[in-house]
C-alpha atoms as a PDB file:
ATOM      1  CA  UNK A   1       3.307   8.747  13.498  1.00  0.00           C
ATOM      2  CA  UNK A   2      -0.332   9.693  13.552  1.00  0.00           C
ATOM      3  CA  UNK A   3      -2.595   8.757  16.425  1.00  0.00           C
ATOM      4  CA  UNK A   4      -3.878   5.877  14.309  1.00  0.00           C
ATOM      5  CA  UNK A   5      -0.431   4.190  14.558  1.00  0.00           C
ATOM      6  CA  UNK A   6      -0.661   2.188  11.336  1.00  0.00           C
ATOM      7  CA  UNK A   7       0.901  -1.210  12.249  1.00  0.00           C
ATOM      8  CA  UNK A   8       3.176  -1.541   9.225  1.00  0.00           C
ATOM      9  CA  UNK A   9       4.250   2.111   8.965  1.00  0.00           C
ATOM     10  CA  UNK A  10       4.679   2.452  12.740  1.00  0.00           C
ATOM     11  CA  UNK A  11       7.014  -0.566  12.898  1.00  0.00           C
ATOM     12  CA  UNK A  12       9.088   0.685   9.964  1.00  0.00           C
ATOM     13  CA  UNK A  13       9.300   4.207  11.378  1.00  0.00           C
ATOM     14  CA  UNK A  14      11.074   2.902  14.471  1.00  0.00           C
ATOM     15  CA  UNK A  15      13.629   1.194  12.249  1.00  0.00           C
ATOM     16  CA  UNK A  16      14.420   3.785   9.559  1.00  0.00           C
ATOM     17  CA  UNK A  17      13.276   7.181  10.855  1.00  0.00           C
ATOM     18  CA  UNK A  18      12.694  10.246   8.679  1.00  0.00           C
ATOM     19  CA  UNK A  19       9.645  10.843   6.511  1.00  0.00           C
ATOM     20  CA  UNK A  20      11.399  10.407   3.152  1.00  0.00           C
ATOM     21  CA  UNK A  21      13.183   7.223   4.218  1.00  0.00           C
ATOM     22  CA  UNK A  22       9.949   5.911   5.691  1.00  0.00           C
ATOM     23  CA  UNK A  23       8.019   6.587   2.483  1.00  0.00           C
ATOM     24  CA  UNK A  24      10.723   4.913   0.389  1.00  0.00           C
ATOM     25  CA  UNK A  25      10.706   1.903   2.703  1.00  0.00           C
ATOM     26  CA  UNK A  26       6.917   1.544   2.745  1.00  0.00           C
ATOM     27  CA  UNK A  27       6.548   1.846  -1.033  1.00  0.00           C
ATOM     28  CA  UNK A  28       9.670  -0.174  -1.853  1.00  0.00           C
ATOM     29  CA  UNK A  29       9.075  -2.993   0.621  1.00  0.00           C
ATOM     30  CA  UNK A  30       7.032  -5.108  -1.863  1.00  0.00           C
ATOM     31  CA  UNK A  31      10.047  -5.122  -4.182  1.00  0.00           C
ATOM     32  CA  UNK A  32      12.409  -6.264  -1.455  1.00  0.00           C
ATOM     33  CA  UNK A  33      10.444  -8.896   0.466  1.00  0.00           C
ATOM     34  CA  UNK A  34       9.154 -10.672  -2.644  1.00  0.00           C
ATOM     35  CA  UNK A  35       5.522  -9.563  -2.659  1.00  0.00           C
ATOM     36  CA  UNK A  36       5.651  -7.849  -6.039  1.00  0.00           C
ATOM     37  CA  UNK A  37       7.663 -10.580  -7.827  1.00  0.00           C
ATOM     38  CA  UNK A  38       5.180 -13.080  -6.417  1.00  0.00           C
ATOM     39  CA  UNK A  39       2.327 -11.052  -7.916  1.00  0.00           C
ATOM     40  CA  UNK A  40       4.068 -10.973 -11.287  1.00  0.00           C
ATOM     41  CA  UNK A  41       4.682 -14.729 -11.271  1.00  0.00           C
ATOM     42  CA  UNK A  42       1.128 -15.434 -10.126  1.00  0.00           C
ATOM     43  CA  UNK A  43      -0.311 -13.534 -13.105  1.00  0.00           C
ATOM     44  CA  UNK A  44      -1.853 -10.724 -11.075  1.00  0.00           C
ATOM     45  CA  UNK A  45      -0.829  -8.196 -13.762  1.00  0.00           C
ATOM     46  CA  UNK A  46      -2.451 -10.031 -16.654  1.00  0.00           C
ATOM     47  CA  UNK A  47      -5.263  -7.479 -17.057  1.00  0.00           C
ATOM     48  CA  UNK A  48      -5.671  -3.700 -16.755  1.00  0.00           C
ATOM     49  CA  UNK A  49      -7.829  -4.160 -13.651  1.00  0.00           C
ATOM     50  CA  UNK A  50      -5.162  -6.377 -12.111  1.00  0.00           C
ATOM     51  CA  UNK A  51      -2.491  -3.761 -12.803  1.00  0.00           C
ATOM     52  CA  UNK A  52      -4.557  -1.055 -11.098  1.00  0.00           C
ATOM     53  CA  UNK A  53      -5.371  -3.282  -8.132  1.00  0.00           C
ATOM     54  CA  UNK A  54      -1.758  -4.264  -7.528  1.00  0.00           C
ATOM     55  CA  UNK A  55      -0.620  -0.664  -7.933  1.00  0.00           C
ATOM     56  CA  UNK A  56      -3.154   0.723  -5.465  1.00  0.00           C
ATOM     57  CA  UNK A  57      -3.078  -2.058  -2.890  1.00  0.00           C
ATOM     58  CA  UNK A  58       0.574  -3.157  -2.982  1.00  0.00           C
ATOM     59  CA  UNK A  59       2.471   0.063  -3.760  1.00  0.00           C
ATOM     60  CA  UNK A  60      -0.168   2.560  -2.615  1.00  0.00           C
ATOM     61  CA  UNK A  61      -2.128   1.187   0.300  1.00  0.00           C
ATOM     62  CA  UNK A  62      -2.992   2.568   3.687  1.00  0.00           C
ATOM     63  CA  UNK A  63       0.621   2.613   4.916  1.00  0.00           C
ATOM     64  CA  UNK A  64       1.582   5.031   2.135  1.00  0.00           C
ATOM     65  CA  UNK A  65      -1.440   7.200   2.943  1.00  0.00           C
ATOM     66  CA  UNK A  66      -0.556   7.220   6.642  1.00  0.00           C
ATOM     67  CA  UNK A  67       3.048   8.258   6.001  1.00  0.00           C
ATOM     68  CA  UNK A  68       2.149  11.117   3.640  1.00  0.00           C
ATOM     69  CA  UNK A  69      -0.714  12.539   5.688  1.00  0.00           C
ATOM     70  CA  UNK A  70       0.653  12.083   9.198  1.00  0.00           C
ATOM     71  CA  UNK A  71       4.429  12.194   8.887  1.00  0.00           C
ATOM     72  CA  UNK A  72       5.515  14.285   5.892  1.00  0.00           C
ATOM     73  CA  UNK A  73       6.098  18.026   6.328  1.00  0.00           C
ATOM     74  CA  UNK A  74       6.292  20.842   3.807  1.00  0.00           C
ATOM     75  CA  UNK A  75       3.965  22.182   1.151  1.00  0.00           C
ATOM     76  CA  UNK A  76       2.024  19.857  -1.177  1.00  0.00           C
ATOM     77  CA  UNK A  77       4.508  20.724  -3.916  1.00  0.00           C
ATOM     78  CA  UNK A  78       7.465  19.709  -1.749  1.00  0.00           C
ATOM     79  CA  UNK A  79       5.741  16.490  -0.734  1.00  0.00           C
ATOM     80  CA  UNK A  80       4.965  15.745  -4.383  1.00  0.00           C
ATOM     81  CA  UNK A  81       8.633  16.189  -5.319  1.00  0.00           C
ATOM     82  CA  UNK A  82       9.589  13.701  -2.602  1.00  0.00           C
ATOM     83  CA  UNK A  83       7.043  11.195  -3.910  1.00  0.00           C
ATOM     84  CA  UNK A  84       8.364  11.595  -7.455  1.00  0.00           C
ATOM     85  CA  UNK A  85      11.966  11.062  -6.325  1.00  0.00           C
ATOM     86  CA  UNK A  86      10.963   7.822  -4.615  1.00  0.00           C
ATOM     87  CA  UNK A  87       8.696   6.836  -7.499  1.00  0.00           C
ATOM     88  CA  UNK A  88      11.373   7.009 -10.200  1.00  0.00           C
ATOM     89  CA  UNK A  89      13.486   4.405  -8.388  1.00  0.00           C
ATOM     90  CA  UNK A  90      10.419   2.323  -7.574  1.00  0.00           C
ATOM     91  CA  UNK A  91       9.285   2.113 -11.198  1.00  0.00           C
ATOM     92  CA  UNK A  92      12.772   1.260 -12.453  1.00  0.00           C
ATOM     93  CA  UNK A  93      13.269  -1.593  -9.979  1.00  0.00           C
ATOM     94  CA  UNK A  94       9.776  -2.956 -10.664  1.00  0.00           C
ATOM     95  CA  UNK A  95      10.582  -3.150 -14.382  1.00  0.00           C
ATOM     96  CA  UNK A  96      13.873  -4.934 -13.723  1.00  0.00           C
ATOM     97  CA  UNK A  97      12.251  -7.531 -11.467  1.00  0.00           C
ATOM     98  CA  UNK A  98       9.503  -8.178 -14.004  1.00  0.00           C
ATOM     99  CA  UNK A  99      12.075  -8.662 -16.767  1.00  0.00           C
ATOM    100  CA  UNK A 100      13.572 -11.679 -14.975  1.00  0.00           C
ATOM    101  CA  UNK A 101      10.272 -13.078 -13.683  1.00  0.00           C
ATOM    102  CA  UNK A 102       9.651 -15.439 -16.671  1.00  0.00           C
ATOM    103  CA  UNK A 103      13.108 -16.982 -16.243  1.00  0.00           C
ATOM    104  CA  UNK A 104      12.372 -17.632 -12.575  1.00  0.00           C
ATOM    105  CA  UNK A 105       8.927 -18.984 -13.433  1.00  0.00           C
ATOM    106  CA  UNK A 106      10.434 -21.601 -15.740  1.00  0.00           C
ATOM    107  CA  UNK A 107      11.958 -23.328 -12.698  1.00  0.00           C
ATOM    108  CA  UNK A 108       8.751 -23.259 -10.642  1.00  0.00           C
ATOM    109  CA  UNK A 109       5.537 -25.211 -10.530  1.00  0.00           C
ATOM    110  CA  UNK A 110       3.258 -22.229 -10.869  1.00  0.00           C
ATOM    111  CA  UNK A 111       0.101 -23.903  -9.509  1.00  0.00           C
ATOM    112  CA  UNK A 112       1.881 -24.384  -6.187  1.00  0.00           C
ATOM    113  CA  UNK A 113       3.575 -21.002  -6.163  1.00  0.00           C
ATOM    114  CA  UNK A 114       0.315 -19.162  -6.819  1.00  0.00           C
ATOM    115  CA  UNK A 115      -1.093 -20.565  -3.576  1.00  0.00           C
ATOM    116  CA  UNK A 116       1.893 -19.241  -1.648  1.00  0.00           C
ATOM    117  CA  UNK A 117       1.552 -15.884  -3.420  1.00  0.00           C
ATOM    118  CA  UNK A 118      -2.069 -15.728  -2.279  1.00  0.00           C
ATOM    119  CA  UNK A 119      -0.975 -16.652   1.245  1.00  0.00           C
ATOM    120  CA  UNK A 120       1.591 -13.865   1.443  1.00  0.00           C
ATOM    121  CA  UNK A 121      -1.003 -11.250   0.419  1.00  0.00           C
ATOM    122  CA  UNK A 122      -3.405 -12.574   3.058  1.00  0.00           C
ATOM    123  CA  UNK A 123      -0.631 -12.279   5.663  1.00  0.00           C
ATOM    124  CA  UNK A 124       0.056  -8.663   4.677  1.00  0.00           C
ATOM    125  CA  UNK A 125      -3.671  -7.910   4.920  1.00  0.00           C
ATOM    126  CA  UNK A 126      -3.767  -9.369   8.433  1.00  0.00           C
ATOM    127  CA  UNK A 127      -0.686  -7.377   9.485  1.00  0.00           C
ATOM    128  CA  UNK A 128      -2.299  -4.205   8.124  1.00  0.00           C
ATOM    129  CA  UNK A 129      -5.534  -4.816   9.999  1.00  0.00           C
ATOM    130  CA  UNK A 130      -3.958  -5.638  13.368  1.00  0.00           C
ATOM    131  CA  UNK A 131      -0.498  -5.234  14.840  1.00  0.00           C
ATOM    132  CA  UNK A 132      -1.255  -7.955  17.391  1.00  0.00           C
ATOM    133  CA  UNK A 133      -2.095 -10.485  14.694  1.00  0.00           C
ATOM    134  CA  UNK A 134       0.997  -9.465  12.749  1.00  0.00           C
ATOM    135  CA  UNK A 135       3.225 -10.459  15.666  1.00  0.00           C
ATOM    136  CA  UNK A 136       2.234 -14.117  15.237  1.00  0.00           C
ATOM    137  CA  UNK A 137       2.533 -14.283  11.462  1.00  0.00           C
ATOM    138  CA  UNK A 138       5.738 -14.974   9.513  1.00  0.00           C
ATOM    139  CA  UNK A 139       7.208 -12.220   7.380  1.00  0.00           C
ATOM    140  CA  UNK A 140       6.279 -12.054   3.676  1.00  0.00           C
ATOM    141  CA  UNK A 141       9.850 -12.920   2.708  1.00  0.00           C
ATOM    142  CA  UNK A 142       9.692 -16.159   4.702  1.00  0.00           C
ATOM    143  CA  UNK A 143       6.422 -17.182   3.048  1.00  0.00           C
ATOM    144  CA  UNK A 144       7.763 -16.398  -0.423  1.00  0.00           C
ATOM    145  CA  UNK A 145      10.917 -18.371   0.385  1.00  0.00           C
ATOM    146  CA  UNK A 146       8.924 -21.435   1.390  1.00  0.00           C
ATOM    147  CA  UNK A 147       6.835 -21.012  -1.748  1.00  0.00           C
ATOM    148  CA  UNK A 148       9.941 -21.056  -3.918  1.00  0.00           C
ATOM    149  CA  UNK A 149      11.206 -24.209  -2.203  1.00  0.00           C
ATOM    150  CA  UNK A 150       7.861 -26.004  -2.396  1.00  0.00           C
ATOM    151  CA  UNK A 151       7.321 -25.202  -6.079  1.00  0.00           C
ATOM    152  CA  UNK A 152      10.911 -25.592  -7.279  1.00  0.00           C
ATOM    153  CA  UNK A 153      11.495 -27.814 -10.312  1.00  0.00           C
ATOM    154  CA  UNK A 154      15.064 -27.152 -11.553  1.00  0.00           C
ATOM    155  CA  UNK A 155      14.707 -29.457 -14.553  1.00  0.00           C
ATOM    156  CA  UNK A 156      12.496 -26.935 -16.312  1.00  0.00           C
ATOM    157  CA  UNK A 157      14.820 -23.966 -15.871  1.00  0.00           C
ATOM    158  CA  UNK A 158      15.637 -21.997 -19.005  1.00  0.00           C
ATOM    159  CA  UNK A 159      16.685 -18.421 -19.664  1.00  0.00           C
ATOM    160  CA  UNK A 160      13.832 -16.458 -21.199  1.00  0.00           C
ATOM    161  CA  UNK A 161      14.289 -13.512 -23.533  1.00  0.00           C
ATOM    162  CA  UNK A 162      13.337 -10.143 -22.092  1.00  0.00           C
ATOM    163  CA  UNK A 163      10.299  -8.647 -23.818  1.00  0.00           C
ATOM    164  CA  UNK A 164       8.442  -5.386 -23.417  1.00  0.00           C
ATOM    165  CA  UNK A 165       5.218  -7.269 -22.701  1.00  0.00           C
ATOM    166  CA  UNK A 166       6.830  -8.503 -19.481  1.00  0.00           C
ATOM    167  CA  UNK A 167       8.035  -5.115 -18.319  1.00  0.00           C
ATOM    168  CA  UNK A 168       5.184  -2.773 -19.287  1.00  0.00           C
ATOM    169  CA  UNK A 169       2.542  -4.199 -16.885  1.00  0.00           C
ATOM    170  CA  UNK A 170       4.995  -4.060 -13.976  1.00  0.00           C
ATOM    171  CA  UNK A 171       5.973  -0.475 -14.769  1.00  0.00           C
ATOM    172  CA  UNK A 172       2.294   0.427 -15.109  1.00  0.00           C
ATOM    173  CA  UNK A 173       1.474  -1.116 -11.722  1.00  0.00           C
ATOM    174  CA  UNK A 174       4.308   0.724  -9.994  1.00  0.00           C
ATOM    175  CA  UNK A 175       3.325   3.904 -11.834  1.00  0.00           C
ATOM    176  CA  UNK A 176      -0.243   3.524 -10.578  1.00  0.00           C
ATOM    177  CA  UNK A 177       1.015   3.332  -7.008  1.00  0.00           C
ATOM    178  CA  UNK A 178       3.224   6.390  -7.500  1.00  0.00           C
ATOM    179  CA  UNK A 179       0.353   8.336  -9.096  1.00  0.00           C
ATOM    180  CA  UNK A 180      -1.858   7.436  -6.142  1.00  0.00           C
ATOM    181  CA  UNK A 181       0.795   8.641  -3.674  1.00  0.00           C
ATOM    182  CA  UNK A 182       1.273  11.819  -5.719  1.00  0.00           C
ATOM    183  CA  UNK A 183      -2.460  12.543  -5.609  1.00  0.00           C
ATOM    184  CA  UNK A 184      -2.453  12.067  -1.828  1.00  0.00           C
ATOM    185  CA  UNK A 185       0.494  14.447  -1.455  1.00  0.00           C
ATOM    186  CA  UNK A 186      -1.063  17.173  -3.623  1.00  0.00           C
ATOM    187  CA  UNK A 187      -4.393  17.044  -1.772  1.00  0.00           C
ATOM    188  CA  UNK A 188      -2.936  16.390   1.691  1.00  0.00           C
ATOM    189  CA  UNK A 189      -4.084  19.695   3.284  1.00  0.00           C
ATOM    190  CA  UNK A 190      -7.686  18.837   2.468  1.00  0.00           C
ATOM    191  CA  UNK A 191      -7.430  15.102   3.139  1.00  0.00           C
ATOM    192  CA  UNK A 192      -6.015  15.608   6.631  1.00  0.00           C
ATOM    193  CA  UNK A 193      -9.326  17.130   7.661  1.00  0.00           C
ATOM    194  CA  UNK A 194     -11.760  14.744   5.980  1.00  0.00           C
ATOM    195  CA  UNK A 195     -10.183  11.273   5.977  1.00  0.00           C
ATOM    196  CA  UNK A 196     -10.384   8.804   8.858  1.00  0.00           C
ATOM    197  CA  UNK A 197      -7.140   6.868   8.438  1.00  0.00           C
ATOM    198  CA  UNK A 198      -8.271   3.953  10.617  1.00  0.00           C
ATOM    199  CA  UNK A 199     -11.358   3.337   8.505  1.00  0.00           C
ATOM    200  CA  UNK A 200      -9.264   3.451   5.359  1.00  0.00           C
ATOM    201  CA  UNK A 201      -6.694   1.105   6.892  1.00  0.00           C
ATOM    202  CA  UNK A 202      -9.224  -1.565   7.807  1.00  0.00           C
ATOM    203  CA  UNK A 203     -11.011  -1.226   4.492  1.00  0.00           C
ATOM    204  CA  UNK A 204      -7.812  -1.503   2.470  1.00  0.00           C
ATOM    205  CA  UNK A 205      -6.873  -4.556   4.541  1.00  0.00           C
ATOM    206  CA  UNK A 206     -10.162  -6.162   3.509  1.00  0.00           C
ATOM    207  CA  UNK A 207      -9.542  -5.254  -0.143  1.00  0.00           C
ATOM    208  CA  UNK A 208      -6.032  -6.703   0.083  1.00  0.00           C
ATOM    209  CA  UNK A 209      -7.488  -9.842   1.642  1.00  0.00           C
ATOM    210  CA  UNK A 210      -9.889 -10.219  -1.287  1.00  0.00           C
ATOM    211  CA  UNK A 211      -7.037  -9.925  -3.819  1.00  0.00           C
ATOM    212  CA  UNK A 212      -5.681 -13.484  -3.283  1.00  0.00           C
ATOM    213  CA  UNK A 213      -9.202 -14.855  -3.679  1.00  0.00           C
ATOM    214  CA  UNK A 214      -9.449 -13.177  -7.077  1.00  0.00           C
ATOM    215  CA  UNK A 215      -6.017 -14.542  -8.066  1.00  0.00           C
ATOM    216  CA  UNK A 216      -7.120 -18.086  -7.196  1.00  0.00           C
ATOM    217  CA  UNK A 217     -10.444 -17.633  -8.984  1.00  0.00           C
ATOM    218  CA  UNK A 218     -12.668 -17.691  -5.888  1.00  0.00           C
ATOM    219  CA  UNK A 219     -13.784 -14.059  -6.300  1.00  0.00           C
ATOM    220  CA  UNK A 220     -14.494 -11.799  -9.283  1.00  0.00           C
ATOM    221  CA  UNK A 221     -11.381 -10.159 -10.690  1.00  0.00           C
ATOM    222  CA  UNK A 222     -12.651  -6.648  -9.916  1.00  0.00           C
ATOM    223  CA  UNK A 223     -13.766  -7.406  -6.359  1.00  0.00           C
ATOM    224  CA  UNK A 224     -10.667  -5.909  -4.628  1.00  0.00           C
ATOM    225  CA  UNK A 225     -10.975  -2.683  -6.617  1.00  0.00           C
ATOM    226  CA  UNK A 226     -14.673  -2.429  -5.751  1.00  0.00           C
ATOM    227  CA  UNK A 227     -13.914  -2.938  -2.050  1.00  0.00           C
ATOM    228  CA  UNK A 228     -11.207  -0.257  -2.189  1.00  0.00           C
ATOM    229  CA  UNK A 229     -13.576   2.264  -3.794  1.00  0.00           C
ATOM    230  CA  UNK A 230     -16.242   1.615  -1.147  1.00  0.00           C
ATOM    231  CA  UNK A 231     -13.590   1.879   1.559  1.00  0.00           C
ATOM    232  CA  UNK A 232     -12.412   5.251   0.271  1.00  0.00           C
ATOM    233  CA  UNK A 233     -15.965   6.592   0.365  1.00  0.00           C
ATOM    234  CA  UNK A 234     -16.615   5.282   3.882  1.00  0.00           C
ATOM    235  CA  UNK A 235     -13.307   6.732   5.105  1.00  0.00           C
ATOM    236  CA  UNK A 236     -14.439  10.270   4.310  1.00  0.00           C
ATOM    237  CA  UNK A 237     -15.429  12.084   7.498  1.00  0.00           C
ATOM    238  CA  UNK A 238     -15.951  15.771   6.689  1.00  0.00           C
ATOM    239  CA  UNK A 239     -18.087  16.446   9.758  1.00  0.00           C
ATOM    240  CA  UNK A 240     -15.185  17.144  12.090  1.00  0.00           C
ATOM    241  CA  UNK A 241     -13.481  19.313   9.480  1.00  0.00           C
ATOM    242  CA  UNK A 242     -16.600  21.450   9.088  1.00  0.00           C
ATOM    243  CA  UNK A 243     -17.010  21.635  12.873  1.00  0.00           C
ATOM    244  CA  UNK A 244     -13.422  22.865  13.301  1.00  0.00           C
ATOM    245  CA  UNK A 245     -13.906  25.489  10.603  1.00  0.00           C
ATOM    246  CA  UNK A 246     -17.050  26.800  12.329  1.00  0.00           C
ATOM    247  CA  UNK A 247     -15.274  26.972  15.685  1.00  0.00           C
ATOM    248  CA  UNK A 248     -12.350  28.855  14.132  1.00  0.00           C
ATOM    249  CA  UNK A 249     -14.725  31.380  12.551  1.00  0.00           C
ATOM    250  CA  UNK A 250     -16.537  31.914  15.853  1.00  0.00           C
ATOM    251  CA  UNK A 251     -13.272  32.430  17.719  1.00  0.00           C
ATOM    252  CA  UNK A 252     -12.136  34.965  15.107  1.00  0.00           C
ATOM    253  CA  UNK A 253     -15.412  36.842  15.610  1.00  0.00           C
ATOM    254  CA  UNK A 254     -14.946  36.825  19.399  1.00  0.00           C
ATOM    255  CA  UNK A 255     -17.822  34.467  20.071  1.00  0.00           C
ATOM    256  CA  UNK A 256     -17.332  31.475  22.356  1.00  0.00           C
ATOM    257  CA  UNK A 257     -17.907  28.301  20.381  1.00  0.00           C
ATOM    258  CA  UNK A 258     -19.350  25.050  21.732  1.00  0.00           C
ATOM    259  CA  UNK A 259     -17.032  22.769  23.698  1.00  0.00           C
ATOM    260  CA  UNK A 260     -15.862  20.074  21.316  1.00  0.00           C
ATOM    261  CA  UNK A 261     -15.790  16.468  22.516  1.00  0.00           C
ATOM    262  CA  UNK A 262     -12.359  15.057  23.298  1.00  0.00           C
ATOM    263  CA  UNK A 263     -11.852  12.899  20.239  1.00  0.00           C
ATOM    264  CA  UNK A 264      -8.596  11.685  18.779  1.00  0.00           C
ATOM    265  CA  UNK A 265      -8.113  13.222  15.398  1.00  0.00           C
ATOM    266  CA  UNK A 266      -7.278  10.368  13.051  1.00  0.00           C
ATOM    267  CA  UNK A 267      -4.651  12.268  11.128  1.00  0.00           C
ATOM    268  CA  UNK A 268      -3.215  14.741  13.602  1.00  0.00           C
ATOM    269  CA  UNK A 269       0.517  14.210  13.661  1.00  0.00           C
ATOM    270  CA  UNK A 270       1.638  13.223  17.135  1.00  0.00           C
ATOM    271  CA  UNK A 271       5.395  12.810  17.229  1.00  0.00           C
ATOM    272  CA  UNK A 272       7.027  10.989  20.057  1.00  0.00           C
ATOM    273  CA  UNK A 273       9.834  12.679  21.971  1.00  0.00           C
END
């Protein structure tokens, strides 16, 4: 991984290995551990802003950025093809899960489940911000499982008809995450020199932490998106990129450049033996 050692991506890398597998695991994890179905049931996709927020923060996020910029090899075109291959499966599974969400919701007390959905997002935000904190928190799947048990009301269960209005928002959210990853892959040569991954990671963790507050009505609906935009701007650090370019030009001209301070490049791939 990169020198930033993103807590979520770093842990998954040790388990799956390989850049493509790691990307598929990071982007597909919300579909497996219950985060995305919880968002669907909690009504997080009820508006265009909500769809964009879930797509960027749940499927995109700092872990996806860290994997693409620090771990994936090849040209931007090759990286983009890898993202698209993962994205096709991601979008399909997201649509399938959303299709059955109303049937599941009929057997749940949604007021209770929404609180657990907010809790699982807060836990993911904490795990993203700090690996040490993440060690003491339960996994998202465990929280979602307890939420299902606490809100279960079997008497209300009924099979709901599948409608396009249920599937389209989920597909759009997954598509937003894939589009975000695709944009990162296509601009990766430039982004590696101007983005501080640690700043983006902490900022996206804050944005993800604000998302449950907006779901519960304690924060404006667009607050997470606003935080993410500000985070992206603050994560830009072109100074070091410009400094490296100047040093390279001076070396090519045969002039000794200034001694650069020993700083850890945030996105320089540092693979372990």
